[in-house]
């Protein structure tokens, strides 16, 4: 592409102007100062009568063979990085947004985003990996920073992206059946509140409660806890949640039940605050983890961060839990990281 200047006071051949791309915001002369053209606007025959209204000369470029206009390039970039669960919308001012089409867990290939953004003219920007999102949520944006890029740049982008692993995708939650075992410390109104809160949260993900097992009369028996968990798994539970007890007590019945089940502890205590009462184990393919008492009252616990990971079918590893420490100070400013339990969909407007 080659640049030139459009002077409203001069006569310029229509052959030169038609198809030229404006490189800046253009406003009319006079008090109104109304906007005539956006940056990136490609002149048509209808625009030729507007040029004399411009307040000052403006810069433009003529595209050459092999140049791709920013809108078309933005759409191709968005298509290249989009995976299941997202759809492109736009372009608006050359920016193409990626919109969630399902409720699920956002997955972003961070290394791929960095690699793409090292290419000239390419800009890909996303929400952080592993956020819970609902349909209509803007999860990423794609654009090119100049008004056009060479076709070769877009080909390089498309070749750089693995066909097996999308850059931006949303994994929908699985309708898992969940068994909940409670021991001491939960009775009466406290137990009812616990059950209502846990049931509501699981329902939001599309999961269902198989049943609650209340072992308050056998709170010190690891054998009874192990038997209850074994029974739930035998009856089809695909996830076990536990409540009550004292997880910092090495003689806690639930912790002592894990070896009896043949369950393997992934990590005791999460590197987050709050999170010291959390633990995660697996009995074969069935995850088992503890809900601290604060899970009854808050939607901002470490369990609320990990529950979406489990419910989208991921096997949570020690590395996954260790990485929680980066950004693991879960204060009020971190509210965006937690599932939006109060909404099922949204409609976010595109920005100009």
Protein backbone atom coordinates (compact mmCIF):
# COMPACT_ATOMS: atom_id res chain seq x y z
CA UNK A 1 0.00 0.00 0.00
CA UNK A 2 1.15 3.55 -0.61
CA UNK A 3 0.11 6.71 1.27
CA UNK A 4 -1.13 10.04 -0.04
CA UNK A 5 -2.99 13.12 1.20
CA UNK A 6 -6.57 14.08 0.36
CA UNK A 7 -6.96 17.87 0.33
CA UNK A 8 -10.60 19.04 0.44
CA UNK A 9 -9.62 22.18 -1.48
CA UNK A 10 -7.95 20.30 -4.31
CA UNK A 11 -9.34 18.27 -7.16
CA UNK A 12 -8.36 14.61 -6.98
CA UNK A 13 -9.17 12.04 -9.61
CA UNK A 14 -11.99 9.67 -8.69
CA UNK A 15 -9.79 6.83 -9.92
CA UNK A 16 -7.36 7.62 -7.12
CA UNK A 17 -9.98 8.14 -4.43
CA UNK A 18 -12.22 5.15 -5.04
CA UNK A 19 -11.14 2.33 -2.73
CA UNK A 20 -8.67 4.49 -0.83
CA UNK A 21 -8.58 3.82 2.91
CA UNK A 22 -8.78 6.71 5.36
CA UNK A 23 -6.04 6.59 8.02
CA UNK A 24 -7.59 8.89 10.62
CA UNK A 25 -10.86 10.11 12.03
CA UNK A 26 -12.35 12.73 9.70
CA UNK A 27 -14.72 15.49 10.77
CA UNK A 28 -16.59 18.23 8.97
CA UNK A 29 -15.52 21.85 8.97
CA UNK A 30 -17.57 24.34 10.95
CA UNK A 31 -19.15 24.35 14.40
CA UNK A 32 -20.86 20.97 14.08
CA UNK A 33 -17.63 19.05 13.58
CA UNK A 34 -19.68 15.98 12.77
CA UNK A 35 -17.84 12.82 11.97
CA UNK A 36 -17.58 12.11 8.25
CA UNK A 37 -15.39 9.01 8.17
CA UNK A 38 -13.97 6.52 10.64
CA UNK A 39 -10.36 5.46 10.51
CA UNK A 40 -10.20 2.55 8.11
CA UNK A 41 -13.17 3.68 6.03
CA UNK A 42 -12.84 2.70 2.40
CA UNK A 43 -14.08 5.40 0.06
CA UNK A 44 -16.96 4.66 -2.30
CA UNK A 45 -18.52 6.72 -5.07
CA UNK A 46 -21.12 8.01 -2.59
CA UNK A 47 -18.34 9.51 -0.46
CA UNK A 48 -16.84 11.71 -3.18
CA UNK A 49 -19.33 14.55 -2.61
CA UNK A 50 -18.45 14.55 1.12
CA UNK A 51 -14.75 15.24 0.69
CA UNK A 52 -15.15 19.03 0.23
CA UNK A 53 -16.79 19.16 3.68
CA UNK A 54 -13.65 17.95 5.45
CA UNK A 55 -12.13 20.32 7.97
CA UNK A 56 -8.53 19.67 6.87
CA UNK A 57 -6.43 17.48 4.60
CA UNK A 58 -6.34 13.85 5.69
CA UNK A 59 -4.02 10.95 5.12
CA UNK A 60 -5.11 7.90 3.16
CA UNK A 61 -3.58 4.87 1.53
CA UNK A 62 -4.23 2.99 -1.67
CA UNK A 63 -4.13 -0.76 -1.29
CA UNK A 64 -2.02 -2.79 -3.63
CA UNK A 65 -2.53 -6.37 -4.79
CA UNK A 66 -1.85 -8.64 -1.83
CA UNK A 67 -3.02 -6.10 0.77
CA UNK A 68 -6.02 -7.13 2.92
CA UNK A 69 -8.24 -4.42 4.40
CA UNK A 70 -8.43 -4.33 8.21
CA UNK A 71 -12.08 -5.49 8.38
CA UNK A 72 -11.50 -8.53 6.20
CA UNK A 73 -8.22 -9.25 7.95
CA UNK A 74 -9.85 -8.94 11.38
CA UNK A 75 -12.53 -11.46 10.39
CA UNK A 76 -9.90 -13.91 9.17
CA UNK A 77 -7.86 -13.48 12.33
CA UNK A 78 -10.95 -14.05 14.48
CA UNK A 79 -11.88 -17.15 12.49
CA UNK A 80 -8.36 -18.52 12.90
CA UNK A 81 -8.33 -18.25 16.70
CA UNK A 82 -11.95 -19.29 17.32
CA UNK A 83 -12.73 -22.74 18.65
CA UNK A 84 -15.91 -24.47 19.84
CA UNK A 85 -18.21 -22.42 22.01
CA UNK A 86 -17.36 -19.00 20.52
CA UNK A 87 -18.60 -17.04 17.53
CA UNK A 88 -17.19 -13.89 15.87
CA UNK A 89 -19.18 -10.66 15.86
CA UNK A 90 -18.28 -7.53 13.95
CA UNK A 91 -16.17 -5.95 12.75
CA UNK A 92 -16.67 -2.64 14.54
CA UNK A 93 -13.81 -0.23 13.87
CA UNK A 94 -11.83 -3.23 12.58
CA UNK A 95 -12.25 -5.09 15.88
CA UNK A 96 -13.96 -8.48 15.74
CA UNK A 97 -15.22 -9.74 19.09
CA UNK A 98 -15.46 -13.39 20.03
CA UNK A 99 -18.72 -14.08 21.86
CA UNK A 100 -19.52 -17.03 24.10
CA UNK A 101 -22.30 -19.17 22.67
CA UNK A 102 -22.50 -21.59 25.61
CA UNK A 103 -22.18 -21.52 29.38
CA UNK A 104 -18.84 -23.05 30.20
CA UNK A 105 -15.18 -22.68 31.05
CA UNK A 106 -13.12 -20.35 28.88
CA UNK A 107 -9.83 -21.86 27.75
CA UNK A 108 -7.15 -19.65 26.25
CA UNK A 109 -3.84 -20.84 24.81
CA UNK A 110 -1.67 -18.16 26.36
CA UNK A 111 1.48 -19.16 24.48
CA UNK A 112 -0.36 -18.95 21.16
CA UNK A 113 -1.69 -15.47 22.00
CA UNK A 114 1.84 -14.28 22.77
CA UNK A 115 3.21 -15.83 19.57
CA UNK A 116 0.52 -14.23 17.40
CA UNK A 117 0.98 -10.82 18.99
CA UNK A 118 4.67 -10.91 18.08
CA UNK A 119 3.66 -10.76 14.40
CA UNK A 120 3.56 -7.33 12.74
CA UNK A 121 0.11 -5.77 12.74
CA UNK A 122 -1.60 -8.55 14.73
CA UNK A 123 -3.52 -7.90 17.96
CA UNK A 124 -5.31 -10.67 19.87
CA UNK A 125 -6.63 -9.93 23.36
CA UNK A 126 -8.63 -12.19 25.67
CA UNK A 127 -10.05 -12.62 29.12
CA UNK A 128 -7.86 -14.72 31.44
CA UNK A 129 -7.82 -18.46 30.98
CA UNK A 130 -10.26 -20.59 32.98
CA UNK A 131 -12.95 -18.02 33.63
CA UNK A 132 -16.55 -19.21 33.87
CA UNK A 133 -18.61 -17.46 31.19
CA UNK A 134 -22.22 -17.34 30.02
CA UNK A 135 -23.67 -16.95 26.51
CA UNK A 136 -23.28 -13.42 25.16
CA UNK A 137 -20.08 -12.68 27.07
CA UNK A 138 -17.28 -11.06 25.06
CA UNK A 139 -14.32 -13.35 25.73
CA UNK A 140 -11.77 -12.08 23.22
CA UNK A 141 -11.09 -9.59 20.47
CA UNK A 142 -9.08 -9.72 17.26
CA UNK A 143 -7.93 -6.89 15.04
CA UNK A 144 -5.03 -5.66 12.99
CA UNK A 145 -3.42 -2.40 13.98
CA UNK A 146 -2.73 -0.85 10.54
CA UNK A 147 -5.48 -0.25 8.00
CA UNK A 148 -4.34 -3.28 6.00
CA UNK A 149 -1.87 -6.14 6.20
CA UNK A 150 -0.22 -8.28 3.56
CA UNK A 151 -1.96 -11.52 2.68
CA UNK A 152 1.27 -13.26 3.67
CA UNK A 153 0.80 -12.14 7.29
CA UNK A 154 -2.62 -13.76 7.49
CA UNK A 155 -1.33 -16.94 5.92
CA UNK A 156 1.43 -17.03 8.54
CA UNK A 157 -1.20 -16.61 11.30
CA UNK A 158 -3.32 -19.42 9.94
CA UNK A 159 -0.34 -21.74 9.59
CA UNK A 160 0.88 -20.95 13.11
CA UNK A 161 -2.31 -22.10 14.79
CA UNK A 162 -2.55 -25.77 15.64
CA UNK A 163 -5.54 -27.51 14.12
CA UNK A 164 -5.83 -29.71 17.23
CA UNK A 165 -5.85 -26.94 19.83
CA UNK A 166 -7.88 -23.78 19.32
CA UNK A 167 -6.55 -20.52 20.73
CA UNK A 168 -9.89 -19.52 22.30
CA UNK A 169 -12.55 -22.08 23.16
CA UNK A 170 -15.30 -22.66 25.71
CA UNK A 171 -15.81 -26.09 27.20
CA UNK A 172 -19.44 -26.58 28.22
CA UNK A 173 -20.13 -27.98 31.66
CA UNK A 174 -21.06 -31.62 32.02
CA UNK A 175 -24.30 -32.65 33.76
CA UNK A 176 -22.48 -34.67 36.41
CA UNK A 177 -24.27 -36.48 39.20
CA UNK A 178 -22.90 -35.35 42.55
CA UNK A 179 -22.90 -37.05 45.91
CA UNK A 180 -22.45 -34.97 49.07
CA UNK A 181 -21.27 -36.41 52.39
CA UNK A 182 -21.46 -34.32 55.57
CA UNK A 183 -20.10 -35.11 59.02
CA UNK A 184 -20.04 -33.16 62.27
CA UNK A 185 -20.62 -29.44 62.45
CA UNK A 186 -23.66 -29.36 60.16
CA UNK A 187 -27.09 -29.78 61.69
CA UNK A 188 -30.50 -28.13 61.75
CA UNK A 189 -30.73 -24.78 59.98
CA UNK A 190 -27.01 -24.80 59.17
CA UNK A 191 -27.33 -28.11 57.33
CA UNK A 192 -30.42 -26.93 55.43
CA UNK A 193 -28.62 -23.79 54.33
CA UNK A 194 -25.62 -25.83 53.26
CA UNK A 195 -27.79 -28.18 51.20
CA UNK A 196 -29.72 -25.34 49.56
CA UNK A 197 -26.56 -23.43 48.63
CA UNK A 198 -24.74 -26.45 47.23
CA UNK A 199 -27.81 -27.61 45.28
CA UNK A 200 -28.28 -24.15 43.77
CA UNK A 201 -24.66 -23.86 42.69
CA UNK A 202 -24.59 -27.33 41.14
CA UNK A 203 -27.86 -26.68 39.32
CA UNK A 204 -26.41 -23.52 37.77
CA UNK A 205 -23.73 -25.66 36.12
CA UNK A 206 -26.30 -28.20 34.95
CA UNK A 207 -25.14 -30.80 37.48
CA UNK A 208 -27.53 -32.59 39.84
CA UNK A 209 -27.43 -33.90 43.39
CA UNK A 210 -27.61 -37.69 43.53
CA UNK A 211 -28.22 -37.49 47.27
CA UNK A 212 -26.91 -36.08 50.54
CA UNK A 213 -25.43 -38.49 53.08
CA UNK A 214 -25.57 -37.10 56.64
CA UNK A 215 -23.11 -38.90 58.92
CA UNK A 216 -23.34 -36.58 61.90
CA UNK A 217 -24.03 -39.58 64.16
CA UNK A 218 -20.89 -41.32 62.93
CA UNK A 219 -18.62 -38.32 62.62
CA UNK A 220 -15.54 -40.05 64.02
CA UNK A 221 -15.77 -43.19 61.89
CA UNK A 222 -13.61 -43.15 58.75
CA UNK A 223 -15.10 -46.53 57.84
CA UNK A 224 -18.61 -45.05 57.76
CA UNK A 225 -17.42 -42.13 55.64
CA UNK A 226 -15.64 -44.47 53.24
CA UNK A 227 -18.74 -46.67 53.02
CA UNK A 228 -20.96 -43.66 52.27
CA UNK A 229 -18.65 -42.42 49.52
CA UNK A 230 -18.30 -45.93 48.07
CA UNK A 231 -22.08 -46.26 48.01
CA UNK A 232 -22.53 -42.96 46.21
CA UNK A 233 -19.95 -43.89 43.57
CA UNK A 234 -21.58 -47.30 43.12
CA UNK A 235 -24.91 -45.54 42.57
CA UNK A 236 -23.48 -43.35 39.82
CA UNK A 237 -21.93 -40.34 41.55
CA UNK A 238 -19.31 -38.77 39.25
CA UNK A 239 -18.17 -36.18 41.80
CA UNK A 240 -18.09 -36.33 45.59
CA UNK A 241 -18.24 -33.22 47.77
CA UNK A 242 -17.68 -33.36 51.51
CA UNK A 243 -18.67 -30.93 54.24
CA UNK A 244 -18.25 -30.56 57.97
CA UNK A 245 -15.42 -31.96 60.00
CA UNK A 246 -12.09 -30.33 60.68
CA UNK A 247 -9.73 -30.60 57.73
CA UNK A 248 -6.70 -29.39 59.67
CA UNK A 249 -7.17 -32.28 62.13
CA UNK A 250 -5.06 -35.27 60.97
CA UNK A 251 -7.64 -37.53 62.65
CA UNK A 252 -10.54 -36.06 60.66
CA UNK A 253 -12.75 -38.97 59.61
CA UNK A 254 -13.07 -37.88 55.99
CA UNK A 255 -9.33 -37.56 55.51
CA UNK A 256 -8.78 -40.95 57.14
CA UNK A 257 -11.43 -42.44 54.86
CA UNK A 258 -9.50 -41.60 51.69
CA UNK A 259 -6.86 -44.35 52.03
CA UNK A 260 -9.64 -46.85 52.78
CA UNK A 261 -11.19 -45.94 49.43
CA UNK A 262 -7.92 -46.17 47.56
CA UNK A 263 -8.20 -42.44 46.85
CA UNK A 264 -5.09 -40.42 46.02
CA UNK A 265 -4.64 -36.95 47.49
CA UNK A 266 -3.72 -34.35 44.85
CA UNK A 267 -3.11 -31.50 47.29
CA UNK A 268 -4.08 -30.60 50.81
CA UNK A 269 -4.69 -26.87 51.08
CA UNK A 270 -4.87 -24.55 48.09
CA UNK A 271 -2.30 -21.75 47.57
CA UNK A 272 -5.06 -19.15 47.81
CA UNK A 273 -6.66 -17.02 50.47
CA UNK A 274 -9.12 -18.21 51.55
CA UNK A 275 -8.17 -21.79 50.70
CA UNK A 276 -6.32 -23.48 53.55
CA UNK A 277 -9.32 -25.74 54.32
CA UNK A 278 -9.53 -27.07 50.77
CA UNK A 279 -8.24 -30.41 49.59
CA UNK A 280 -8.69 -32.46 46.42
CA UNK A 281 -8.35 -36.20 45.92
CA UNK A 282 -9.29 -38.71 43.22
CA UNK A 283 -10.71 -42.17 43.64
CA UNK A 284 -9.86 -43.48 40.18
CA UNK A 285 -11.68 -40.99 37.89
CA UNK A 286 -14.00 -39.58 40.56
CA UNK A 287 -12.86 -36.29 42.13
CA UNK A 288 -13.50 -35.81 45.84
CA UNK A 289 -13.05 -32.43 47.46
CA UNK A 290 -13.93 -30.58 50.58
CA UNK A 291 -16.28 -27.64 50.89
CA UNK A 292 -15.27 -25.32 53.70
CA UNK A 293 -18.05 -23.86 55.83
CA UNK A 294 -17.74 -20.54 53.98
CA UNK A 295 -19.15 -22.32 50.91
CA UNK A 296 -22.54 -21.97 52.58
CA UNK A 297 -22.41 -18.21 52.60
CA UNK A 298 -20.16 -17.07 49.76
CA UNK A 299 -19.77 -17.53 46.03
CA UNK A 300 -16.12 -16.46 46.21
CA UNK A 301 -14.28 -19.46 47.63
CA UNK A 302 -11.46 -21.52 46.20
CA UNK A 303 -13.98 -24.34 45.71
CA UNK A 304 -15.92 -22.04 43.38
CA UNK A 305 -12.79 -21.66 41.26
CA UNK A 306 -12.10 -25.37 41.05
CA UNK A 307 -15.67 -26.65 40.69
CA UNK A 308 -15.94 -25.35 37.09
CA UNK A 309 -12.68 -27.10 36.21
CA UNK A 310 -14.08 -30.41 37.42
CA UNK A 311 -17.50 -29.90 35.85
CA UNK A 312 -16.07 -29.30 32.38
CA UNK A 313 -14.43 -32.72 32.49
CA UNK A 314 -10.84 -31.70 33.25
CA UNK A 315 -8.75 -33.84 35.57
CA UNK A 316 -7.29 -31.29 37.97
CA UNK A 317 -3.60 -31.83 38.58
CA UNK A 318 -1.10 -30.72 41.19
CA UNK A 319 0.27 -28.18 38.68
CA UNK A 320 -3.23 -26.77 38.20
CA UNK A 321 -3.60 -26.24 41.93
CA UNK A 322 -0.08 -24.90 42.33
CA UNK A 323 -0.75 -22.26 39.68
CA UNK A 324 -3.64 -20.93 41.75
CA UNK A 325 -1.05 -19.11 43.83
CA UNK A 326 -0.51 -16.61 41.02
CA UNK A 327 -3.55 -14.40 41.53
CA UNK A 328 -4.58 -16.45 44.54
CA UNK A 329 -5.21 -13.49 46.82
CA UNK A 330 -8.98 -13.69 46.44
CA UNK A 331 -10.03 -10.24 47.60
CA UNK A 332 -13.01 -8.23 46.35
CA UNK A 333 -11.15 -7.14 43.23
CA UNK A 334 -11.04 -10.80 42.13
CA UNK A 335 -14.83 -11.13 41.95
CA UNK A 336 -14.68 -11.44 38.14
CA UNK A 337 -12.91 -14.80 38.49
CA UNK A 338 -15.86 -16.55 40.11
CA UNK A 339 -18.91 -18.09 38.44
CA UNK A 340 -21.68 -15.49 37.89
CA UNK A 341 -24.29 -17.59 39.70
CA UNK A 342 -26.91 -14.85 39.41
CA UNK A 343 -27.04 -14.78 35.58
CA UNK A 344 -27.40 -17.37 32.81
CA UNK A 345 -26.70 -15.14 29.82
CA UNK A 346 -25.66 -11.59 28.99
CA UNK A 347 -25.53 -9.27 26.02
CA UNK A 348 -22.44 -7.12 26.03
CA UNK A 349 -22.29 -4.29 23.49
CA UNK A 350 -19.41 -3.86 21.09
CA UNK A 351 -17.25 -0.79 21.68
CA UNK A 352 -16.40 1.70 18.97
